[in-house]
Amino acid sequence: MGKVSAVSVLSVGQTGQVTIPAEFRKAHALTGGAKLLAVRMGDTLVMAPHDAMLESICLRLEEAMRGAGLSPRELEAAALEEREAIVAKRYRGSPGRRRHPRR
């Protein structure tokens, strides 16, 4: 099979149905009746194939957030702050430093 594109534009029908392109369905073994998990991340919607393990992880994360008194917005803000700190440390060093992380 050829390379699957990373992005596709989807249309939402009158009843809210979305058709997933064939290349995505094949790449993720999605057949009729397959369930997807829709996750809101800020102003982004991410869809992932649903499975029991993923659902369990999401439920545990939600429970941990509630237990810590964090809202999804607070968690998102903290993640963005941490990301900015990592980027600043890694990419805004002195001019002589490597610009790409080691792999």
N, C-alpha and C. Protein backbone atom coordinates (compact mmCIF):
# COMPACT_ATOMS: atom_id res chain seq x y z
N MET A 1 0.85 -1.17 0.00
CA MET A 1 0.00 0.00 0.00
C MET A 1 0.89 1.23 0.00
N GLY A 2 0.46 2.29 -0.70
CA GLY A 2 1.23 3.53 -0.76
C GLY A 2 1.14 4.31 0.54
N LYS A 3 1.82 5.41 0.55
CA LYS A 3 1.84 6.27 1.74
C LYS A 3 0.48 6.93 1.93
N VAL A 4 -0.01 6.92 3.16
CA VAL A 4 -1.30 7.54 3.49
C VAL A 4 -1.05 8.98 3.89
N SER A 5 -1.84 9.91 3.31
CA SER A 5 -1.65 11.32 3.69
C SER A 5 -2.00 11.51 5.15
N ALA A 6 -1.41 12.53 5.74
CA ALA A 6 -1.61 12.79 7.16
C ALA A 6 -2.85 13.65 7.41
N VAL A 7 -3.31 14.36 6.39
CA VAL A 7 -4.42 15.29 6.56
C VAL A 7 -5.43 15.09 5.44
N SER A 8 -6.70 15.21 5.78
CA SER A 8 -7.76 15.15 4.78
C SER A 8 -8.88 16.08 5.22
N VAL A 9 -9.50 16.74 4.27
CA VAL A 9 -10.63 17.61 4.57
C VAL A 9 -11.90 16.76 4.48
N LEU A 10 -12.70 16.80 5.54
CA LEU A 10 -13.93 16.02 5.60
C LEU A 10 -15.12 16.97 5.62
N SER A 11 -16.24 16.50 5.12
CA SER A 11 -17.47 17.29 5.15
C SER A 11 -18.44 16.65 6.14
N VAL A 12 -19.16 17.50 6.85
CA VAL A 12 -20.18 17.03 7.78
C VAL A 12 -21.52 17.14 7.06
N GLY A 13 -22.25 16.02 6.98
CA GLY A 13 -23.54 16.00 6.32
C GLY A 13 -24.63 16.64 7.18
N GLN A 14 -25.81 16.74 6.62
CA GLN A 14 -26.96 17.35 7.31
C GLN A 14 -27.27 16.69 8.65
N THR A 15 -27.03 15.38 8.74
CA THR A 15 -27.35 14.65 9.97
C THR A 15 -26.13 14.52 10.89
N GLY A 16 -25.03 15.18 10.53
CA GLY A 16 -23.83 15.14 11.36
C GLY A 16 -22.88 14.02 11.00
N GLN A 17 -23.20 13.24 9.98
CA GLN A 17 -22.32 12.14 9.59
C GLN A 17 -21.11 12.65 8.83
N VAL A 18 -19.98 11.99 9.08
CA VAL A 18 -18.72 12.30 8.41
C VAL A 18 -18.27 11.04 7.69
N THR A 19 -17.86 11.18 6.45
CA THR A 19 -17.31 10.04 5.71
C THR A 19 -15.79 10.09 5.80
N ILE A 20 -15.22 9.00 6.26
CA ILE A 20 -13.76 8.91 6.39
C ILE A 20 -13.22 8.36 5.07
N PRO A 21 -12.24 9.04 4.48
CA PRO A 21 -11.69 8.58 3.21
C PRO A 21 -11.21 7.12 3.27
N ALA A 22 -11.33 6.42 2.16
CA ALA A 22 -10.98 5.00 2.08
C ALA A 22 -9.54 4.73 2.53
N GLU A 23 -8.61 5.61 2.16
CA GLU A 23 -7.21 5.35 2.54
C GLU A 23 -7.02 5.35 4.06
N PHE A 24 -7.78 6.19 4.78
CA PHE A 24 -7.71 6.21 6.25
C PHE A 24 -8.37 4.95 6.82
N ARG A 25 -9.54 4.58 6.25
CA ARG A 25 -10.23 3.38 6.73
C ARG A 25 -9.36 2.15 6.56
N LYS A 26 -8.69 2.04 5.42
CA LYS A 26 -7.82 0.88 5.17
C LYS A 26 -6.62 0.90 6.11
N ALA A 27 -5.99 2.06 6.27
CA ALA A 27 -4.79 2.17 7.11
C ALA A 27 -5.08 1.82 8.57
N HIS A 28 -6.30 2.07 9.03
CA HIS A 28 -6.65 1.84 10.44
C HIS A 28 -7.62 0.68 10.62
N ALA A 29 -7.81 -0.10 9.55
CA ALA A 29 -8.68 -1.28 9.59
C ALA A 29 -10.08 -0.94 10.12
N LEU A 30 -10.65 0.16 9.63
CA LEU A 30 -11.99 0.57 10.04
C LEU A 30 -13.01 0.00 9.05
N THR A 31 -13.98 -0.70 9.57
CA THR A 31 -15.05 -1.25 8.74
C THR A 31 -16.37 -0.67 9.21
N GLY A 32 -17.44 -0.96 8.49
CA GLY A 32 -18.76 -0.46 8.87
C GLY A 32 -19.08 -0.78 10.32
N GLY A 33 -19.55 0.17 11.05
CA GLY A 33 -19.89 -0.02 12.45
C GLY A 33 -18.73 0.22 13.41
N ALA A 34 -17.52 0.49 12.88
CA ALA A 34 -16.37 0.77 13.74
C ALA A 34 -16.64 2.02 14.57
N LYS A 35 -16.11 2.04 15.76
CA LYS A 35 -16.29 3.20 16.64
C LYS A 35 -15.02 4.02 16.68
N LEU A 36 -15.21 5.34 16.71
CA LEU A 36 -14.09 6.28 16.83
C LEU A 36 -14.27 7.07 18.11
N LEU A 37 -13.17 7.50 18.66
CA LEU A 37 -13.16 8.36 19.83
C LEU A 37 -12.92 9.78 19.34
N ALA A 38 -13.77 10.72 19.69
CA ALA A 38 -13.58 12.12 19.33
C ALA A 38 -13.08 12.85 20.58
N VAL A 39 -11.94 13.53 20.44
CA VAL A 39 -11.32 14.22 21.57
C VAL A 39 -11.15 15.68 21.22
N ARG A 40 -11.67 16.56 22.08
CA ARG A 40 -11.50 18.00 21.89
C ARG A 40 -10.21 18.41 22.57
N MET A 41 -9.31 19.02 21.80
CA MET A 41 -8.04 19.51 22.34
C MET A 41 -7.94 20.98 21.96
N GLY A 42 -8.40 21.86 22.87
CA GLY A 42 -8.45 23.28 22.54
C GLY A 42 -9.46 23.48 21.45
N ASP A 43 -9.05 24.10 20.34
CA ASP A 43 -9.97 24.33 19.23
C ASP A 43 -9.81 23.27 18.15
N THR A 44 -9.22 22.13 18.50
CA THR A 44 -8.96 21.06 17.55
C THR A 44 -9.78 19.83 17.93
N LEU A 45 -10.26 19.12 16.92
CA LEU A 45 -10.97 17.87 17.13
C LEU A 45 -10.10 16.76 16.57
N VAL A 46 -9.79 15.78 17.41
CA VAL A 46 -8.97 14.64 17.01
C VAL A 46 -9.83 13.40 17.08
N MET A 47 -9.80 12.59 16.03
CA MET A 47 -10.52 11.33 16.03
C MET A 47 -9.51 10.19 16.02
N ALA A 48 -9.78 9.17 16.83
CA ALA A 48 -8.89 8.01 16.91
C ALA A 48 -9.75 6.76 16.97
N PRO A 49 -9.25 5.66 16.41
CA PRO A 49 -9.99 4.41 16.54
C PRO A 49 -10.21 4.10 18.02
N HIS A 50 -11.42 3.67 18.35
CA HIS A 50 -11.77 3.38 19.73
C HIS A 50 -11.33 1.96 20.08
N ASP A 51 -10.74 1.82 21.23
CA ASP A 51 -10.50 0.50 21.78
C ASP A 51 -10.57 0.61 23.30
N ALA A 52 -10.73 -0.52 23.95
CA ALA A 52 -10.94 -0.52 25.39
C ALA A 52 -9.77 0.09 26.15
N MET A 53 -8.54 -0.17 25.69
CA MET A 53 -7.37 0.35 26.39
C MET A 53 -7.34 1.88 26.33
N LEU A 54 -7.59 2.43 25.14
CA LEU A 54 -7.59 3.89 24.99
C LEU A 54 -8.68 4.52 25.86
N GLU A 55 -9.85 3.91 25.87
CA GLU A 55 -10.94 4.43 26.70
C GLU A 55 -10.56 4.39 28.18
N SER A 56 -9.93 3.32 28.59
CA SER A 56 -9.50 3.18 29.98
C SER A 56 -8.49 4.26 30.36
N ILE A 57 -7.54 4.52 29.46
CA ILE A 57 -6.53 5.56 29.72
C ILE A 57 -7.21 6.92 29.84
N CYS A 58 -8.13 7.22 28.93
CA CYS A 58 -8.83 8.52 28.97
C CYS A 58 -9.61 8.67 30.26
N LEU A 59 -10.31 7.62 30.68
CA LEU A 59 -11.08 7.70 31.93
C LEU A 59 -10.18 7.91 33.14
N ARG A 60 -9.04 7.23 33.16
CA ARG A 60 -8.09 7.41 34.28
C ARG A 60 -7.53 8.82 34.29
N LEU A 61 -7.24 9.36 33.11
CA LEU A 61 -6.73 10.74 33.05
C LEU A 61 -7.78 11.73 33.53
N GLU A 62 -9.02 11.55 33.10
CA GLU A 62 -10.10 12.44 33.56
C GLU A 62 -10.24 12.37 35.08
N GLU A 63 -10.20 11.15 35.63
CA GLU A 63 -10.33 10.97 37.08
C GLU A 63 -9.17 11.64 37.81
N ALA A 64 -7.96 11.47 37.29
CA ALA A 64 -6.78 12.09 37.92
C ALA A 64 -6.87 13.61 37.87
N MET A 65 -7.36 14.15 36.75
CA MET A 65 -7.52 15.61 36.63
C MET A 65 -8.52 16.11 37.66
N ARG A 66 -9.65 15.42 37.78
CA ARG A 66 -10.65 15.84 38.76
C ARG A 66 -10.08 15.75 40.17
N GLY A 67 -9.36 14.66 40.45
CA GLY A 67 -8.76 14.48 41.77
C GLY A 67 -7.76 15.57 42.11
N ALA A 68 -7.07 16.08 41.09
CA ALA A 68 -6.09 17.15 41.29
C ALA A 68 -6.74 18.52 41.25
N GLY A 69 -8.05 18.56 40.98
CA GLY A 69 -8.75 19.84 40.91
C GLY A 69 -8.43 20.62 39.64
N LEU A 70 -8.05 19.93 38.57
CA LEU A 70 -7.72 20.60 37.31
C LEU A 70 -8.86 20.49 36.31
N SER A 71 -9.11 21.58 35.63
CA SER A 71 -10.07 21.54 34.53
C SER A 71 -9.30 21.24 33.25
N PRO A 72 -9.99 20.80 32.21
CA PRO A 72 -9.30 20.58 30.93
C PRO A 72 -8.57 21.84 30.45
N ARG A 73 -9.16 23.01 30.65
CA ARG A 73 -8.51 24.27 30.23
C ARG A 73 -7.21 24.51 31.00
N GLU A 74 -7.24 24.23 32.31
CA GLU A 74 -6.03 24.39 33.12
C GLU A 74 -4.94 23.42 32.69
N LEU A 75 -5.34 22.19 32.40
CA LEU A 75 -4.38 21.20 31.94
C LEU A 75 -3.79 21.61 30.59
N GLU A 76 -4.63 22.10 29.70
CA GLU A 76 -4.16 22.57 28.39
C GLU A 76 -3.18 23.73 28.55
N ALA A 77 -3.52 24.67 29.42
CA ALA A 77 -2.64 25.83 29.64
C ALA A 77 -1.29 25.38 30.20
N ALA A 78 -1.32 24.45 31.15
CA ALA A 78 -0.07 23.96 31.74
C ALA A 78 0.77 23.23 30.69
N ALA A 79 0.11 22.44 29.83
CA ALA A 79 0.83 21.72 28.78
C ALA A 79 1.46 22.70 27.79
N LEU A 80 0.74 23.76 27.44
CA LEU A 80 1.29 24.76 26.52
C LEU A 80 2.48 25.48 27.14
N GLU A 81 2.39 25.81 28.42
CA GLU A 81 3.51 26.46 29.11
C GLU A 81 4.74 25.55 29.11
N GLU A 82 4.52 24.29 29.41
CA GLU A 82 5.63 23.33 29.43
C GLU A 82 6.24 23.17 28.04
N ARG A 83 5.38 23.12 27.04
CA ARG A 83 5.87 23.00 25.66
C ARG A 83 6.73 24.21 25.29
N GLU A 84 6.26 25.41 25.65
CA GLU A 84 7.03 26.63 25.36
C GLU A 84 8.38 26.60 26.06
N ALA A 85 8.42 26.11 27.29
CA ALA A 85 9.68 26.03 28.03
C ALA A 85 10.64 25.06 27.36
N ILE A 86 10.12 23.93 26.91
CA ILE A 86 10.96 22.93 26.23
C ILE A 86 11.51 23.50 24.93
N VAL A 87 10.65 24.15 24.14
CA VAL A 87 11.08 24.74 22.87
C VAL A 87 12.13 25.82 23.13
N ALA A 88 11.89 26.66 24.13
CA ALA A 88 12.84 27.73 24.44
C ALA A 88 14.20 27.14 24.82
N LYS A 89 14.19 26.13 25.66
CA LYS A 89 15.44 25.52 26.11
C LYS A 89 16.17 24.84 24.95
N ARG A 90 15.43 24.15 24.11
CA ARG A 90 16.03 23.36 23.05
C ARG A 90 16.46 24.18 21.83
N TYR A 91 15.67 25.19 21.45
CA TYR A 91 15.90 25.86 20.17
C TYR A 91 16.34 27.32 20.27
N ARG A 92 16.32 27.90 21.43
CA ARG A 92 16.69 29.31 21.54
C ARG A 92 17.99 29.48 22.31
N GLY A 93 18.89 28.53 22.14
CA GLY A 93 20.17 28.58 22.83
C GLY A 93 21.11 29.55 22.14
N SER A 94 22.38 29.47 22.48
CA SER A 94 23.39 30.35 21.88
C SER A 94 23.51 30.05 20.39
N PRO A 95 23.98 31.03 19.59
CA PRO A 95 24.07 30.85 18.14
C PRO A 95 24.89 29.65 17.71
N GLY A 96 25.87 29.24 18.49
CA GLY A 96 26.73 28.13 18.10
C GLY A 96 26.14 26.76 18.38
N ARG A 97 25.02 26.69 19.09
CA ARG A 97 24.42 25.40 19.45
C ARG A 97 23.71 24.77 18.28
N ARG A 98 23.57 23.44 18.35
CA ARG A 98 22.80 22.72 17.34
C ARG A 98 21.36 23.19 17.39
N ARG A 99 20.74 23.27 16.25
CA ARG A 99 19.34 23.70 16.19
C ARG A 99 18.37 22.54 16.20
N HIS A 100 18.85 21.33 15.95
CA HIS A 100 17.96 20.17 15.91
C HIS A 100 18.33 19.22 17.04
N PRO A 101 17.30 18.65 17.69
CA PRO A 101 17.61 17.70 18.77
C PRO A 101 18.25 16.45 18.21
N ARG A 102 19.03 15.78 19.02
CA ARG A 102 19.62 14.51 18.60
C ARG A 102 18.56 13.45 18.58
N ARG A 103 18.70 12.51 17.70
CA ARG A 103 17.72 11.42 17.59
C ARG A 103 18.30 10.14 18.05
